[in-house]
C-alpha atoms as a PDB file:
ATOM      1  CA  MET A   1     106.960  47.712  62.370  1.00  0.00           C
ATOM      2  CA  GLN A   2     106.386  50.634  59.622  1.00  0.00           C
ATOM      3  CA  GLY A   3     108.515  53.449  61.605  1.00  0.00           C
ATOM      4  CA  THR A   4     108.220  57.108  61.282  1.00  0.00           C
ATOM      5  CA  PRO A   5     106.492  57.731  57.392  1.00  0.00           C
ATOM      6  CA  ARG A   6     109.097  59.863  55.642  1.00  0.00           C
ATOM      7  CA  LEU A   7     108.572  63.076  53.919  1.00  0.00           C
ATOM      8  CA  VAL A   8     107.978  63.259  50.555  1.00  0.00           C
ATOM      9  CA  ARG A   9     107.024  66.870  48.785  1.00  0.00           C
ATOM     10  CA  GLY A  10     104.424  66.760  46.984  1.00  0.00           C
ATOM     11  CA  GLU A  11     103.034  69.472  43.983  1.00  0.00           C
ATOM     12  CA  PRO A  12     102.266  71.889  44.129  1.00  0.00           C
ATOM     13  CA  TRP A  13     105.014  73.070  46.588  1.00  0.00           C
ATOM     14  CA  PHE A  14     105.193  76.833  46.784  1.00  0.00           C
ATOM     15  CA  ASP A  15     108.534  78.461  48.307  1.00  0.00           C
ATOM     16  CA  ASP A  16     106.516  81.557  49.275  1.00  0.00           C
ATOM     17  CA  GLY A  17     103.964  79.370  51.126  1.00  0.00           C
ATOM     18  CA  ASN A  18     103.089  80.308  54.914  1.00  0.00           C
ATOM     19  CA  ILE A  19     101.484  76.824  55.206  1.00  0.00           C
ATOM     20  CA  VAL A  20     102.428  73.110  54.853  1.00  0.00           C
ATOM     21  CA  LEU A  21      99.469  69.996  54.964  1.00  0.00           C
ATOM     22  CA  PHE A  22     100.702  66.789  55.464  1.00  0.00           C
ATOM     23  CA  ALA A  23      98.481  64.058  53.525  1.00  0.00           C
ATOM     24  CA  GLU A  24      99.391  60.184  55.203  1.00  0.00           C
ATOM     25  CA  ASP A  25     100.299  58.287  51.864  1.00  0.00           C
ATOM     26  CA  THR A  26      99.533  54.481  53.711  1.00  0.00           C
ATOM     27  CA  ALA A  27     100.809  52.347  51.030  1.00  0.00           C
ATOM     28  CA  PRO A  28     104.598  53.683  50.539  1.00  0.00           C
ATOM     29  CA  ASN A  29     104.304  54.366  54.344  1.00  0.00           C
ATOM     30  CA  ALA A  30     104.916  58.193  53.687  1.00  0.00           C
ATOM     31  CA  SER A  31     103.681  61.879  54.410  1.00  0.00           C
ATOM     32  CA  VAL A  32     102.927  63.704  51.251  1.00  0.00           C
ATOM     33  CA  ALA A  33     103.579  67.397  51.887  1.00  0.00           C
ATOM     34  CA  PHE A  34     102.353  70.260  50.183  1.00  0.00           C
ATOM     35  CA  LYS A  35     103.089  73.977  50.776  1.00  0.00           C
ATOM     36  CA  VAL A  36     100.420  76.667  49.808  1.00  0.00           C
ATOM     37  CA  HIS A  37      98.965  80.292  50.905  1.00  0.00           C
ATOM     38  CA  ARG A  38      96.698  80.422  53.905  1.00  0.00           C
ATOM     39  CA  GLY A  39      94.812  82.908  52.190  1.00  0.00           C
ATOM     40  CA  VAL A  40      94.317  80.636  49.159  1.00  0.00           C
ATOM     41  CA  LEU A  41      92.809  77.760  50.714  1.00  0.00           C
ATOM     42  CA  ALA A  42      90.567  80.117  53.500  1.00  0.00           C
ATOM     43  CA  ARG A  43      88.938  82.253  50.455  1.00  0.00           C
ATOM     44  CA  HIS A  44      87.410  78.941  48.717  1.00  0.00           C
ATOM     45  CA  SER A  45      86.096  76.861  51.705  1.00  0.00           C
ATOM     46  CA  GLU A  46      85.091  78.495  55.456  1.00  0.00           C
ATOM     47  CA  ILE A  47      85.983  74.881  56.932  1.00  0.00           C
ATOM     48  CA  PHE A  48      89.898  75.675  55.683  1.00  0.00           C
ATOM     49  CA  GLN A  49      89.547  78.851  57.227  1.00  0.00           C
ATOM     50  CA  SER A  50      88.282  77.420  60.613  1.00  0.00           C
ATOM     51  CA  MET A  51      91.227  74.523  60.147  1.00  0.00           C
ATOM     52  CA  LEU A  52      94.074  76.891  59.083  1.00  0.00           C
ATOM     53  CA  GLU A  53      92.973  79.324  62.105  1.00  0.00           C
ATOM     54  CA  LEU A  54      93.955  76.634  64.714  1.00  0.00           C
ATOM     55  CA  ALA A  55      96.655  76.909  63.342  1.00  0.00           C
ATOM     56  CA  MET A  56      98.600  80.361  63.455  1.00  0.00           C
ATOM     57  CA  PRO A  57     101.875  81.019  63.179  1.00  0.00           C
ATOM     58  CA  GLY A  58     104.225  81.552  67.077  1.00  0.00           C
ATOM     59  CA  ALA A  59     101.520  78.683  68.690  1.00  0.00           C
ATOM     60  CA  SER A  60     103.993  76.927  71.157  1.00  0.00           C
ATOM     61  CA  ASP A  61     102.159  73.906  70.655  1.00  0.00           C
ATOM     62  CA  ILE A  62     101.508  73.832  66.539  1.00  0.00           C
ATOM     63  CA  GLU A  63     103.601  71.423  64.809  1.00  0.00           C
ATOM     64  CA  ALA A  64     106.194  73.353  62.072  1.00  0.00           C
ATOM     65  CA  THR A  65     108.250  72.071  59.253  1.00  0.00           C
ATOM     66  CA  GLU A  66     109.994  74.227  56.625  1.00  0.00           C
ATOM     67  CA  ASP A  67     109.562  76.953  59.072  1.00  0.00           C
ATOM     68  CA  CYS A  68     105.491  77.435  58.292  1.00  0.00           C
ATOM     69  CA  PRO A  69     102.865  75.097  60.822  1.00  0.00           C
ATOM     70  CA  VAL A  70     101.345  71.816  59.694  1.00  0.00           C
ATOM     71  CA  VAL A  71      98.085  70.868  59.254  1.00  0.00           C
ATOM     72  CA  ARG A  72      97.801  66.990  58.971  1.00  0.00           C
ATOM     73  CA  MET A  73      95.117  66.221  56.649  1.00  0.00           C
ATOM     74  CA  HIS A  74      92.992  62.947  56.579  1.00  0.00           C
ATOM     75  CA  ASP A  75      92.925  63.038  52.344  1.00  0.00           C
ATOM     76  CA  ARG A  76      94.261  60.857  50.147  1.00  0.00           C
ATOM     77  CA  PRO A  77      97.822  62.519  48.682  1.00  0.00           C
ATOM     78  CA  ALA A  78      96.548  62.063  44.870  1.00  0.00           C
ATOM     79  CA  GLU A  79      92.986  63.906  45.951  1.00  0.00           C
ATOM     80  CA  LEU A  80      94.375  66.387  47.983  1.00  0.00           C
ATOM     81  CA  SER A  81      96.614  67.303  45.308  1.00  0.00           C
ATOM     82  CA  ALA A  82      94.474  67.710  42.282  1.00  0.00           C
ATOM     83  CA  LEU A  83      91.928  69.874  44.993  1.00  0.00           C
ATOM     84  CA  ILE A  84      95.152  72.175  45.564  1.00  0.00           C
ATOM     85  CA  ARG A  85      96.367  72.906  42.015  1.00  0.00           C
ATOM     86  CA  ALA A  86      92.261  73.168  41.494  1.00  0.00           C
ATOM     87  CA  LEU A  87      91.688  76.037  43.827  1.00  0.00           C
ATOM     88  CA  TYR A  88      94.767  77.814  42.203  1.00  0.00           C
ATOM     89  CA  ASP A  89      94.605  77.521  38.466  1.00  0.00           C
ATOM     90  CA  GLY A  90      91.122  76.356  38.540  1.00  0.00           C
ATOM     91  CA  ALA A  91      89.436  72.935  37.336  1.00  0.00           C
ATOM     92  CA  ALA A  92      90.691  71.249  34.120  1.00  0.00           C
ATOM     93  CA  PHE A  93      87.870  68.095  33.157  1.00  0.00           C
ATOM     94  CA  GLU A  94      88.215  65.963  30.371  1.00  0.00           C
ATOM     95  CA  HIS A  95      87.048  62.251  29.340  1.00  0.00           C
ATOM     96  CA  ARG A  96      89.925  60.495  28.116  1.00  0.00           C
ATOM     97  CA  GLY A  97      89.728  57.806  29.529  1.00  0.00           C
ATOM     98  CA  ILE A  98      89.446  55.970  33.144  1.00  0.00           C
ATOM     99  CA  GLN A  99      91.933  57.541  34.710  1.00  0.00           C
ATOM    100  CA  ASP A 100      90.013  61.421  34.199  1.00  0.00           C
ATOM    101  CA  PHE A 101      86.819  59.658  35.635  1.00  0.00           C
ATOM    102  CA  TYR A 102      89.410  59.270  38.648  1.00  0.00           C
ATOM    103  CA  HIS A 103      90.759  62.717  38.756  1.00  0.00           C
ATOM    104  CA  VAL A 104      87.100  64.432  38.539  1.00  0.00           C
ATOM    105  CA  ALA A 105      85.422  61.572  41.773  1.00  0.00           C
ATOM    106  CA  GLY A 106      88.654  63.081  43.530  1.00  0.00           C
ATOM    107  CA  ILE A 107      87.867  66.784  43.368  1.00  0.00           C
ATOM    108  CA  LEU A 108      84.387  65.763  43.502  1.00  0.00           C
ATOM    109  CA  ARG A 109      84.836  64.316  46.989  1.00  0.00           C
ATOM    110  CA  LEU A 110      87.167  66.774  48.365  1.00  0.00           C
ATOM    111  CA  SER A 111      84.781  69.685  46.790  1.00  0.00           C
ATOM    112  CA  THR A 112      81.969  68.412  48.798  1.00  0.00           C
ATOM    113  CA  LYS A 113      83.882  67.365  52.178  1.00  0.00           C
ATOM    114  CA  TYR A 114      85.108  70.970  52.091  1.00  0.00           C
ATOM    115  CA  PHE A 115      81.910  72.836  50.889  1.00  0.00           C
ATOM    116  CA  ILE A 116      83.511  74.340  47.933  1.00  0.00           C
ATOM    117  CA  ALA A 117      80.740  74.407  45.823  1.00  0.00           C
ATOM    118  CA  TYR A 118      81.159  76.095  42.937  1.00  0.00           C
ATOM    119  CA  LEU A 119      84.161  73.421  42.799  1.00  0.00           C
ATOM    120  CA  ARG A 120      81.155  70.922  43.297  1.00  0.00           C
ATOM    121  CA  ARG A 121      79.158  72.271  40.599  1.00  0.00           C
ATOM    122  CA  GLU A 122      81.810  72.201  38.162  1.00  0.00           C
ATOM    123  CA  ALA A 123      82.758  68.540  38.872  1.00  0.00           C
ATOM    124  CA  ILE A 124      79.023  67.216  38.906  1.00  0.00           C
ATOM    125  CA  ARG A 125      78.001  69.098  35.367  1.00  0.00           C
ATOM    126  CA  HIS A 126      81.339  67.454  33.494  1.00  0.00           C
ATOM    127  CA  LEU A 127      79.721  64.058  34.825  1.00  0.00           C
ATOM    128  CA  LEU A 128      76.105  65.128  33.420  1.00  0.00           C
ATOM    129  CA  GLN A 129      78.002  65.503  29.754  1.00  0.00           C
ATOM    130  CA  ILE A 130      79.024  62.111  30.500  1.00  0.00           C
ATOM    131  CA  TRP A 131      76.150  60.625  32.548  1.00  0.00           C
ATOM    132  CA  PRO A 132      73.093  62.116  31.740  1.00  0.00           C
ATOM    133  CA  HIS A 133      70.088  64.004  33.414  1.00  0.00           C
ATOM    134  CA  THR A 134      68.411  64.947  29.877  1.00  0.00           C
ATOM    135  CA  LEU A 135      66.709  62.783  26.934  1.00  0.00           C
ATOM    136  CA  GLU A 136      69.246  65.040  24.105  1.00  0.00           C
ATOM    137  CA  GLY A 137      72.283  63.729  26.410  1.00  0.00           C
ATOM    138  CA  HIS A 138      71.466  59.940  26.601  1.00  0.00           C
ATOM    139  CA  ASP A 139      71.227  59.763  23.158  1.00  0.00           C
ATOM    140  CA  ARG A 140      74.344  61.426  22.936  1.00  0.00           C
ATOM    141  CA  PHE A 141      75.863  59.069  25.479  1.00  0.00           C
ATOM    142  CA  VAL A 142      75.052  56.129  23.094  1.00  0.00           C
ATOM    143  CA  GLU A 143      75.675  57.297  19.735  1.00  0.00           C
ATOM    144  CA  ARG A 144      79.177  58.327  21.129  1.00  0.00           C
ATOM    145  CA  ALA A 145      79.302  54.534  22.978  1.00  0.00           C
ATOM    146  CA  VAL A 146      78.527  53.496  19.171  1.00  0.00           C
ATOM    147  CA  ASN A 147      81.457  55.216  17.661  1.00  0.00           C
ATOM    148  CA  ALA A 148      83.747  55.613  20.332  1.00  0.00           C
ATOM    149  CA  PRO A 149      87.313  53.864  19.741  1.00  0.00           C
ATOM    150  CA  LEU A 150      88.295  51.909  22.830  1.00  0.00           C
ATOM    151  CA  VAL A 151      91.323  53.259  25.063  1.00  0.00           C
ATOM    152  CA  ASP A 152      93.219  50.967  27.063  1.00  0.00           C
ATOM    153  CA  ASP A 153      90.925  48.164  25.813  1.00  0.00           C
ATOM    154  CA  MET A 154      88.283  49.664  27.306  1.00  0.00           C
ATOM    155  CA  THR A 155      85.082  50.834  25.685  1.00  0.00           C
ATOM    156  CA  TYR A 156      83.178  54.081  26.151  1.00  0.00           C
ATOM    157  CA  PRO A 157      82.074  55.531  28.999  1.00  0.00           C
ATOM    158  CA  TYR A 158      85.629  54.219  30.107  1.00  0.00           C
ATOM    159  CA  VAL A 159      84.066  53.459  33.866  1.00  0.00           C
ATOM    160  CA  HIS A 160      81.471  50.926  35.087  1.00  0.00           C
ATOM    161  CA  PRO A 161      78.330  52.419  35.593  1.00  0.00           C
ATOM    162  CA  LEU A 162      78.332  51.133  39.512  1.00  0.00           C
ATOM    163  CA  HIS A 163      81.149  53.094  40.051  1.00  0.00           C
ATOM    164  CA  VAL A 164      79.711  56.298  39.137  1.00  0.00           C
ATOM    165  CA  LEU A 165      76.573  55.138  41.337  1.00  0.00           C
ATOM    166  CA  ASN A 166      78.516  54.723  44.502  1.00  0.00           C
ATOM    167  CA  LEU A 167      80.911  58.114  43.814  1.00  0.00           C
ATOM    168  CA  ALA A 168      77.266  59.889  43.567  1.00  0.00           C
ATOM    169  CA  ARG A 169      76.068  58.109  46.801  1.00  0.00           C
ATOM    170  CA  GLU A 170      79.357  58.742  48.701  1.00  0.00           C
ATOM    171  CA  THR A 171      79.166  62.530  47.384  1.00  0.00           C
ATOM    172  CA  HIS A 172      75.254  63.212  47.919  1.00  0.00           C
ATOM    173  CA  VAL A 173      75.275  63.660  43.870  1.00  0.00           C
ATOM    174  CA  SER A 174      71.181  62.448  43.020  1.00  0.00           C
ATOM    175  CA  ILE A 175      71.163  63.787  39.508  1.00  0.00           C
ATOM    176  CA  ILE A 176      73.386  61.528  38.264  1.00  0.00           C
ATOM    177  CA  VAL A 177      72.059  58.615  40.166  1.00  0.00           C
ATOM    178  CA  PRO A 178      69.029  57.866  37.601  1.00  0.00           C
ATOM    179  CA  ALA A 179      71.105  57.251  34.674  1.00  0.00           C
ATOM    180  CA  ALA A 180      73.688  55.504  36.477  1.00  0.00           C
ATOM    181  CA  LEU A 181      70.918  53.040  37.569  1.00  0.00           C
ATOM    182  CA  TYR A 182      69.560  53.077  33.873  1.00  0.00           C
ATOM    183  CA  PHE A 183      73.032  51.846  32.412  1.00  0.00           C
ATOM    184  CA  LEU A 184      73.956  49.420  35.216  1.00  0.00           C
ATOM    185  CA  SER A 185      70.731  47.921  34.926  1.00  0.00           C
ATOM    186  CA  LEU A 186      71.549  46.535  31.585  1.00  0.00           C
ATOM    187  CA  TYR A 187      73.893  44.389  33.303  1.00  0.00           C
ATOM    188  CA  CYS A 188      73.224  41.300  34.749  1.00  0.00           C
ATOM    189  CA  LEU A 189      72.824  40.780  38.328  1.00  0.00           C
ATOM    190  CA  SER A 190      74.884  38.047  38.213  1.00  0.00           C
ATOM    191  CA  ASP A 191      78.271  39.796  36.950  1.00  0.00           C
ATOM    192  CA  ILE A 192      77.807  42.932  39.283  1.00  0.00           C
ATOM    193  CA  LEU A 193      77.909  41.091  42.410  1.00  0.00           C
ATOM    194  CA  LYS A 194      81.035  39.538  41.006  1.00  0.00           C
ATOM    195  CA  ALA A 195      82.836  42.607  40.380  1.00  0.00           C
ATOM    196  CA  ASP A 196      85.142  41.206  37.748  1.00  0.00           C
ATOM    197  CA  HIS A 197      84.203  43.414  35.316  1.00  0.00           C
ATOM    198  CA  PRO A 198      88.136  45.338  33.774  1.00  0.00           C
ATOM    199  CA  LYS A 199      86.205  48.556  34.709  1.00  0.00           C
ATOM    200  CA  LEU A 200      85.846  48.009  37.595  1.00  0.00           C
ATOM    201  CA  LEU A 201      89.852  45.937  38.619  1.00  0.00           C
ATOM    202  CA  VAL A 202      91.233  49.068  37.560  1.00  0.00           C
ATOM    203  CA  GLU A 203      93.386  50.282  40.645  1.00  0.00           C
ATOM    204  CA  HIS A 204      93.919  53.762  41.497  1.00  0.00           C
ATOM    205  CA  PRO A 205      93.235  55.680  44.819  1.00  0.00           C
ATOM    206  CA  SER A 206      90.488  57.128  43.862  1.00  0.00           C
ATOM    207  CA  ARG A 207      88.481  54.378  42.291  1.00  0.00           C
ATOM    208  CA  PRO A 208      84.718  53.869  43.963  1.00  0.00           C
ATOM    209  CA  SER A 209      83.781  50.560  46.055  1.00  0.00           C
ATOM    210  CA  SER A 210      82.956  47.975  43.461  1.00  0.00           C
ATOM    211  CA  ALA A 211      80.075  46.760  45.434  1.00  0.00           C
ATOM    212  CA  LEU A 212      76.616  47.380  44.962  1.00  0.00           C
ATOM    213  CA  SER A 213      74.654  48.123  48.219  1.00  0.00           C
ATOM    214  CA  ALA A 214      71.560  46.742  49.831  1.00  0.00           C
ATOM    215  CA  HIS A 215      69.933  49.594  49.241  1.00  0.00           C
ATOM    216  CA  ASP A 216      71.136  49.943  45.596  1.00  0.00           C
ATOM    217  CA  LEU A 217      70.310  46.248  44.572  1.00  0.00           C
ATOM    218  CA  GLU A 218      66.423  47.352  45.638  1.00  0.00           C
ATOM    219  CA  LYS A 219      66.940  50.430  43.134  1.00  0.00           C
ATOM    220  CA  TYR A 220      68.832  48.350  40.268  1.00  0.00           C
ATOM    221  CA  THR A 221      65.888  45.431  40.485  1.00  0.00           C
ATOM    222  CA  LEU A 222      63.403  48.241  40.320  1.00  0.00           C
ATOM    223  CA  MET A 223      65.261  49.677  37.132  1.00  0.00           C
ATOM    224  CA  PHE A 224      65.596  46.143  35.758  1.00  0.00           C
ATOM    225  CA  GLN A 225      62.419  45.221  35.949  1.00  0.00           C
ATOM    226  CA  HIS A 226      60.656  48.664  34.925  1.00  0.00           C
ATOM    227  CA  ARG A 227      62.839  48.307  31.878  1.00  0.00           C
ATOM    228  CA  ILE A 228      61.680  45.049  30.374  1.00  0.00           C
ATOM    229  CA  ASP A 229      58.526  46.200  31.032  1.00  0.00           C
ATOM    230  CA  VAL A 230      58.661  49.184  29.196  1.00  0.00           C
ATOM    231  CA  VAL A 231      60.054  47.304  26.316  1.00  0.00           C
ATOM    232  CA  LEU A 232      58.268  44.505  26.406  1.00  0.00           C
ATOM    233  CA  ASP A 233      54.493  47.283  26.560  1.00  0.00           C
ATOM    234  CA  PHE A 234      56.495  48.661  23.521  1.00  0.00           C
ATOM    235  CA  VAL A 235      56.421  45.756  21.134  1.00  0.00           C
ATOM    236  CA  ARG A 236      52.909  44.958  22.397  1.00  0.00           C
ATOM    237  CA  GLN A 237      51.120  48.334  22.477  1.00  0.00           C
ATOM    238  CA  HIS A 238      52.888  50.334  20.285  1.00  0.00           C
ATOM    239  CA  CYS A 239      53.874  48.056  17.389  1.00  0.00           C
ATOM    240  CA  SER A 240      51.509  44.741  17.282  1.00  0.00           C
ATOM    241  CA  GLY A 241      48.607  46.085  18.564  1.00  0.00           C
ATOM    242  CA  ARG A 242      48.617  49.424  16.586  1.00  0.00           C
ATOM    243  CA  ALA A 243      45.899  50.793  14.676  1.00  0.00           C
ATOM    244  CA  PRO A 244      46.383  52.317  11.445  1.00  0.00           C
ATOM    245  CA  SER A 245      46.416  56.465  11.488  1.00  0.00           C
ATOM    246  CA  LYS A 246      42.708  58.034  10.913  1.00  0.00           C
ATOM    247  CA  THR A 247      44.329  59.237   7.517  1.00  0.00           C
ATOM    248  CA  CYS A 248      45.843  56.405   6.850  1.00  0.00           C
ATOM    249  CA  GLN A 249      46.604  56.269   2.743  1.00  0.00           C
ATOM    250  CA  GLY A 250      47.349  52.725   2.060  1.00  0.00           C
ATOM    251  CA  LEU A 251      45.444  49.824   0.755  1.00  0.00           C
ATOM    252  CA  PRO A 252      43.197  48.302   3.174  1.00  0.00           C
ATOM    253  CA  GLY A 253      44.737  46.217   5.868  1.00  0.00           C
ATOM    254  CA  LEU A 254      48.104  47.283   4.732  1.00  0.00           C
ATOM    255  CA  CYS A 255      49.968  49.322   6.890  1.00  0.00           C
ATOM    256  CA  GLN A 256      48.177  47.190   9.912  1.00  0.00           C
ATOM    257  CA  LYS A 257      49.637  43.882   8.760  1.00  0.00           C
ATOM    258  CA  ALA A 258      52.709  46.384   8.508  1.00  0.00           C
ATOM    259  CA  PHE A 259      52.494  47.332  11.935  1.00  0.00           C
ATOM    260  CA  ASN A 260      52.346  43.604  13.302  1.00  0.00           C
ATOM    261  CA  ARG A 261      55.455  42.200  11.465  1.00  0.00           C
ATOM    262  CA  LEU A 262      57.409  44.991  12.867  1.00  0.00           C
ATOM    263  CA  GLY A 263      55.714  43.906  16.155  1.00  0.00           C
ATOM    264  CA  SER A 264      56.975  40.214  15.515  1.00  0.00           C
ATOM    265  CA  LYS A 265      60.181  40.929  14.757  1.00  0.00           C
ATOM    266  CA  LEU A 266      61.272  43.103  17.689  1.00  0.00           C
ATOM    267  CA  SER A 267      59.351  40.128  19.758  1.00  0.00           C
ATOM    268  CA  ARG A 268      61.972  38.320  18.603  1.00  0.00           C
ATOM    269  CA  SER A 269      65.246  40.632  18.521  1.00  0.00           C
ATOM    270  CA  TRP A 270      65.268  42.221  22.040  1.00  0.00           C
ATOM    271  CA  VAL A 271      66.847  40.475  24.695  1.00  0.00           C
ATOM    272  CA  VAL A 272      67.725  41.037  28.624  1.00  0.00           C
ATOM    273  CA  ARG A 273      70.559  44.100  27.866  1.00  0.00           C
ATOM    274  CA  THR A 274      68.014  45.819  25.451  1.00  0.00           C
ATOM    275  CA  GLY A 275      67.753  49.772  26.423  1.00  0.00           C
ATOM    276  CA  PRO A 276      64.271  50.792  25.515  1.00  0.00           C
ATOM    277  CA  LEU A 277      64.964  54.616  24.891  1.00  0.00           C
ATOM    278  CA  HIS A 278      67.310  52.926  21.791  1.00  0.00           C
ATOM    279  CA  TYR A 279      65.254  50.006  20.583  1.00  0.00           C
ATOM    280  CA  THR A 280      62.434  53.074  20.074  1.00  0.00           C
ATOM    281  CA  VAL A 281      64.338  54.865  17.628  1.00  0.00           C
ATOM    282  CA  GLN A 282      65.307  51.753  16.015  1.00  0.00           C
ATOM    283  CA  ALA A 283      61.643  51.021  15.222  1.00  0.00           C
ATOM    284  CA  ILE A 284      61.492  54.252  14.091  1.00  0.00           C
ATOM    285  CA  ASP A 285      64.155  53.247  11.240  1.00  0.00           C
ATOM    286  CA  GLU A 286      62.813  49.806  10.832  1.00  0.00           C
ATOM    287  CA  LEU A 287      59.741  50.965  10.042  1.00  0.00           C
ATOM    288  CA  ALA A 288      60.714  54.456   7.600  1.00  0.00           C
ATOM    289  CA  ASP A 289      62.073  50.912   5.841  1.00  0.00           C
ATOM    290  CA  ASP A 290      58.967  49.402   5.228  1.00  0.00           C
ATOM    291  CA  PRO A 291      57.789  50.450   1.624  1.00  0.00           C
ATOM    292  CA  ASN A 292      54.091  48.648   2.599  1.00  0.00           C
ATOM    293  CA  VAL A 293      53.731  51.573   5.349  1.00  0.00           C
ATOM    294  CA  CYS A 294      51.715  54.902   4.021  1.00  0.00           C
ATOM    295  CA  ARG A 295      53.303  58.454   4.692  1.00  0.00           C
ATOM    296  CA  PRO A 296      50.541  59.320   7.544  1.00  0.00           C
ATOM    297  CA  CYS A 297      50.871  56.108   9.608  1.00  0.00           C
ATOM    298  CA  ARG A 298      54.603  56.479   9.463  1.00  0.00           C
ATOM    299  CA  ARG A 299      54.664  60.077  10.678  1.00  0.00           C
ATOM    300  CA  ALA A 300      51.974  59.330  12.980  1.00  0.00           C
ATOM    301  CA  PHE A 301      54.122  56.429  14.942  1.00  0.00           C
ATOM    302  CA  GLN A 302      57.353  58.185  14.704  1.00  0.00           C
ATOM    303  CA  ALA A 303      55.481  61.375  16.568  1.00  0.00           C
ATOM    304  CA  ASP A 304      54.209  58.633  19.239  1.00  0.00           C
ATOM    305  CA  VAL A 305      57.331  57.120  19.840  1.00  0.00           C
ATOM    306  CA  LEU A 306      59.225  60.430  20.323  1.00  0.00           C
ATOM    307  CA  ALA A 307      56.931  61.328  22.580  1.00  0.00           C
ATOM    308  CA  LEU A 308      56.450  58.144  24.538  1.00  0.00           C
ATOM    309  CA  ARG A 309      60.520  58.705  24.500  1.00  0.00           C
ATOM    310  CA  GLU A 310      60.370  61.219  26.440  1.00  0.00           C
ATOM    311  CA  ARG A 311      57.631  59.996  28.840  1.00  0.00           C
ATOM    312  CA  ILE A 312      60.016  57.047  29.500  1.00  0.00           C
ATOM    313  CA  TRP A 313      62.814  59.233  30.322  1.00  0.00           C
ATOM    314  CA  GLU A 314      60.630  61.981  32.712  1.00  0.00           C
ATOM    315  CA  GLY A 315      59.517  59.233  34.821  1.00  0.00           C
ATOM    316  CA  LEU A 316      63.546  57.340  35.335  1.00  0.00           C
ATOM    317  CA  PRO A 317      63.817  59.854  38.950  1.00  0.00           C
ATOM    318  CA  GLY A 318      60.507  58.174  40.140  1.00  0.00           C
ATOM    319  CA  ILE A 319      61.271  54.618  39.520  1.00  0.00           C
ATOM    320  CA  VAL A 320      64.464  54.668  42.156  1.00  0.00           C
ATOM    321  CA  GLY A 321      62.288  56.538  44.043  1.00  0.00           C
ATOM    322  CA  LEU A 322      63.796  60.328  43.584  1.00  0.00           C
ATOM    323  CA  PRO A 323      61.529  63.407  43.197  1.00  0.00           C
ATOM    324  CA  SER A 324      61.345  65.294  39.152  1.00  0.00           C
ATOM    325  CA  TRP A 325      64.679  65.816  37.176  1.00  0.00           C
ATOM    326  CA  LYS A 326      63.787  69.612  37.585  1.00  0.00           C
ATOM    327  CA  GLU A 327      63.567  69.111  41.672  1.00  0.00           C
ATOM    328  CA  ILE A 328      66.956  67.319  41.715  1.00  0.00           C
ATOM    329  CA  GLU A 329      68.699  69.817  39.286  1.00  0.00           C
ATOM    330  CA  ARG A 330      67.477  72.411  41.426  1.00  0.00           C
ATOM    331  CA  VAL A 331      69.326  70.720  44.579  1.00  0.00           C
ATOM    332  CA  ASP A 332      72.549  69.673  43.307  1.00  0.00           C
ATOM    333  CA  LEU A 333      73.198  72.341  41.026  1.00  0.00           C
ATOM    334  CA  SER A 334      71.743  75.852  42.627  1.00  0.00           C
ATOM    335  CA  GLY A 335      73.537  78.317  43.604  1.00  0.00           C
END
């Protein structure tokens, strides 16, 4: 038998608080207690307000400690602590390593559970700074991933996209799903199913599930196949099969040969993990280095590829059965 859980004083603990929240920490068999102010919690959440009304002082059947009513919470102590501190002091979100992701995950979970809309939106907006809902955000993600140093032997963005996807599903945040699935599709399915990537093995009470659900296995497959199709179509139609610009100034056939060379080179260089959004930018740079391509053809190619990237990005939500970016943003970030 484990016996009666011992009481551990948690943070925050206000000596002048008028209610005590108990959160069970099952690992060390302890109850973590937070002494707080009823009014502070109630003003941020109608759910809190209703819960605390059931624990009014003086009621004969209400558990008490420290001369305050006790409310037992079915939340992880670390997450409840982070939520309370955010309610008092404001949320402070960082992205210095995987621990910062777990901090955001905990606050997102509980702000969703207790209907604290403004705090939920803050957490979502922070996640969107890393897991983008715009093409510009994607490009910043890739640039930082290429240049950021290792943190605790982990590459940027320090957290596995499967954990981001599962957190989004758990908290009903759709706007993060397309990017999470896009970057998850860069991983082989066998590796995802093994769930032995170092980023998936970090121990933390706020860690999301490391299992790919049957529902998201389907979405992963659709995104994986779409990504490969886009790469192949780009190489064949937009490079090898491309005709010179109508205002081509090169010698007859010279620009056409350059497009054929580019398509041939790209067809040999892409791999299963190639991301088309970054790959198309590399193609622009590759063509720019070819001295045999005239300026009008180079400009037309760049304009067409940039327009293609916009279409690819705008179409990502639909690939996994979601409405447009604009509609998802309205639902997840309105108010």
